[in-house]
Amino acid sequence: MFDQLEITVLRPGPRFPAQLRFWVNGEDVVEQAVGPGGRGPWVSEALPVGLPSVLRATVEARRVQLGEPECTGGCCGYLSVVVQRMGNVVQWSGWQLPHLGGRLLEFDFDAGDYDAEVDRAEADFGWRYVA
């Protein structure tokens, strides 16, 4: 059975520009790993206009930063994961968590569903127009 990914955008606030959150099987991965005051990556960096998202999975494994605690990644470390496509599976593994974080498991996503969710997130330009 595959894990389910949902990518959401937190609208800009007084302290931060728009950021991404990653829900896997109904759980907020960023909050689970870095705490409630943490943040996900800036949308403008993770979903750059006209370029493929860093979330795109390829056969070449690569580390992707998914968040940091409220005190910043430079202080306590970043939340990152290795993303890799293996046939019809996209795998998130090899987690690196801030020293505050708990433990995250390996996630396996159906590659078609994963690509569709990244496509959906890349096509959502509504966050750019929020004042």
Protein backbone atom coordinates (compact mmCIF):
# COMPACT_ATOMS: atom_id res chain seq x y z
CA MET A 1 0.00 0.00 0.00
CA PHE A 2 1.35 3.41 -0.99
CA ASP A 3 1.61 6.49 1.18
CA GLN A 4 -0.48 9.53 0.18
CA LEU A 5 1.08 12.98 -0.32
CA GLU A 6 -0.70 16.32 -0.23
CA ILE A 7 1.23 19.56 -0.76
CA THR A 8 -0.38 22.66 0.73
CA VAL A 9 0.54 26.33 0.70
CA LEU A 10 0.49 28.42 3.86
CA ARG A 11 -0.31 31.93 2.77
CA PRO A 12 2.12 34.73 3.63
CA GLY A 13 2.00 36.06 7.16
CA PRO A 14 3.59 38.89 9.12
CA ARG A 15 6.92 37.04 9.53
CA PHE A 16 7.21 34.78 6.48
CA PRO A 17 6.36 34.66 2.78
CA ALA A 18 4.19 31.81 1.47
CA GLN A 19 5.56 28.40 2.42
CA LEU A 20 4.83 24.77 1.64
CA ARG A 21 3.62 22.06 3.97
CA PHE A 22 3.70 18.36 3.22
CA TRP A 23 0.95 16.10 4.49
CA VAL A 24 1.68 12.38 4.30
CA ASN A 25 -1.18 10.07 5.23
CA GLY A 26 -2.95 13.01 6.87
CA GLU A 27 0.02 14.10 9.05
CA ASP A 28 1.91 17.39 8.67
CA VAL A 29 5.49 16.17 8.14
CA VAL A 30 7.06 19.57 8.89
CA GLU A 31 5.22 20.07 12.18
CA GLN A 32 5.87 16.47 13.19
CA ALA A 33 9.62 16.83 12.60
CA VAL A 34 10.41 20.43 13.60
CA GLY A 35 7.57 21.42 15.93
CA PRO A 36 4.57 23.72 15.65
CA GLY A 37 6.63 26.92 15.18
CA GLY A 38 8.65 25.50 12.30
CA ARG A 39 8.28 26.36 8.66
CA GLY A 40 8.38 24.63 5.32
CA PRO A 41 10.36 25.84 2.31
CA TRP A 42 9.41 29.13 0.67
CA VAL A 43 7.02 28.47 -2.19
CA SER A 44 9.04 30.70 -4.50
CA GLU A 45 12.11 28.48 -3.97
CA ALA A 46 10.42 25.07 -3.98
CA LEU A 47 8.06 25.85 -6.89
CA PRO A 48 9.97 28.35 -9.07
CA VAL A 49 7.98 29.81 -11.96
CA GLY A 50 9.01 28.28 -15.29
CA LEU A 51 11.36 25.71 -13.74
CA PRO A 52 10.78 22.21 -12.45
CA SER A 53 10.15 21.92 -8.72
CA VAL A 54 12.89 20.58 -6.46
CA LEU A 55 10.24 18.05 -5.43
CA ARG A 56 10.38 16.36 -8.85
CA ALA A 57 11.59 12.78 -8.43
CA THR A 58 14.23 11.34 -10.77
CA VAL A 59 16.18 8.09 -10.85
CA GLU A 60 19.10 10.03 -9.40
CA ALA A 61 18.60 10.36 -5.66
CA ARG A 62 18.93 13.88 -4.29
CA ARG A 63 18.48 15.57 -0.94
CA VAL A 64 15.63 18.09 -0.69
CA GLN A 65 15.12 20.52 2.18
CA LEU A 66 11.55 20.42 3.49
CA GLY A 67 11.68 22.68 6.55
CA GLU A 68 13.38 24.13 9.56
CA PRO A 69 12.52 24.88 13.19
CA GLU A 70 11.39 28.30 14.39
CA CYS A 71 14.92 29.09 15.59
CA THR A 72 16.17 28.55 11.98
CA GLY A 73 18.05 25.71 10.35
CA GLY A 74 21.36 27.46 10.95
CA CYS A 75 20.79 27.01 14.68
CA CYS A 76 19.21 23.57 15.08
CA GLY A 77 19.48 21.99 11.62
CA TYR A 78 17.16 21.53 8.67
CA LEU A 79 14.57 18.92 7.84
CA SER A 80 15.60 17.19 4.63
CA VAL A 81 14.92 13.95 2.81
CA VAL A 82 16.36 11.97 -0.09
CA VAL A 83 13.86 11.84 -2.98
CA GLN A 84 14.25 9.13 -5.61
CA ARG A 85 12.16 7.50 -8.32
CA MET A 86 12.45 3.72 -8.59
CA GLY A 87 10.20 2.53 -11.38
CA ASN A 88 6.61 3.21 -10.38
CA VAL A 89 7.59 4.25 -6.83
CA VAL A 90 8.84 7.59 -5.50
CA GLN A 91 10.60 7.11 -2.21
CA TRP A 92 11.35 9.60 0.56
CA SER A 93 14.09 8.17 2.80
CA GLY A 94 17.34 9.08 4.52
CA TRP A 95 15.78 11.79 6.67
CA GLN A 96 17.93 14.40 8.36
CA LEU A 97 16.06 16.11 11.17
CA PRO A 98 16.80 19.09 13.37
CA HIS A 99 18.08 18.01 16.75
CA LEU A 100 14.64 18.86 18.19
CA GLY A 101 12.78 16.52 15.86
CA GLY A 102 11.43 13.04 16.28
CA ARG A 103 11.90 10.16 13.89
CA LEU A 104 10.32 9.91 10.44
CA LEU A 105 9.81 6.73 8.49
CA GLU A 106 10.51 6.00 4.87
CA PHE A 107 7.58 6.88 2.60
CA ASP A 108 6.74 5.17 -0.69
CA PHE A 109 4.41 6.98 -3.10
CA ASP A 110 2.82 5.75 -6.32
CA ALA A 111 4.89 7.62 -8.94
CA GLY A 112 1.80 8.63 -10.98
CA ASP A 113 0.00 10.01 -7.93
CA TYR A 114 3.18 11.76 -6.75
CA ASP A 115 3.75 13.41 -10.14
CA ALA A 116 0.10 14.51 -10.26
CA GLU A 117 0.38 16.15 -6.82
CA VAL A 118 3.59 17.99 -7.76
CA ASP A 119 1.95 19.06 -11.06
CA ARG A 120 -1.03 20.39 -9.10
CA ALA A 121 1.21 22.34 -6.70
CA GLU A 122 3.30 23.79 -9.56
CA ALA A 123 0.14 24.93 -11.36
CA ASP A 124 -1.33 26.69 -8.29
CA PHE A 125 -0.34 30.32 -8.78
CA GLY A 126 -2.95 31.69 -6.36
CA TRP A 127 -0.40 32.13 -3.57
CA ARG A 128 1.51 34.69 -5.65
CA TYR A 129 -1.39 37.12 -5.65
CA VAL A 130 -2.21 37.21 -1.96
CA ALA A 131 -1.57 40.66 -0.49
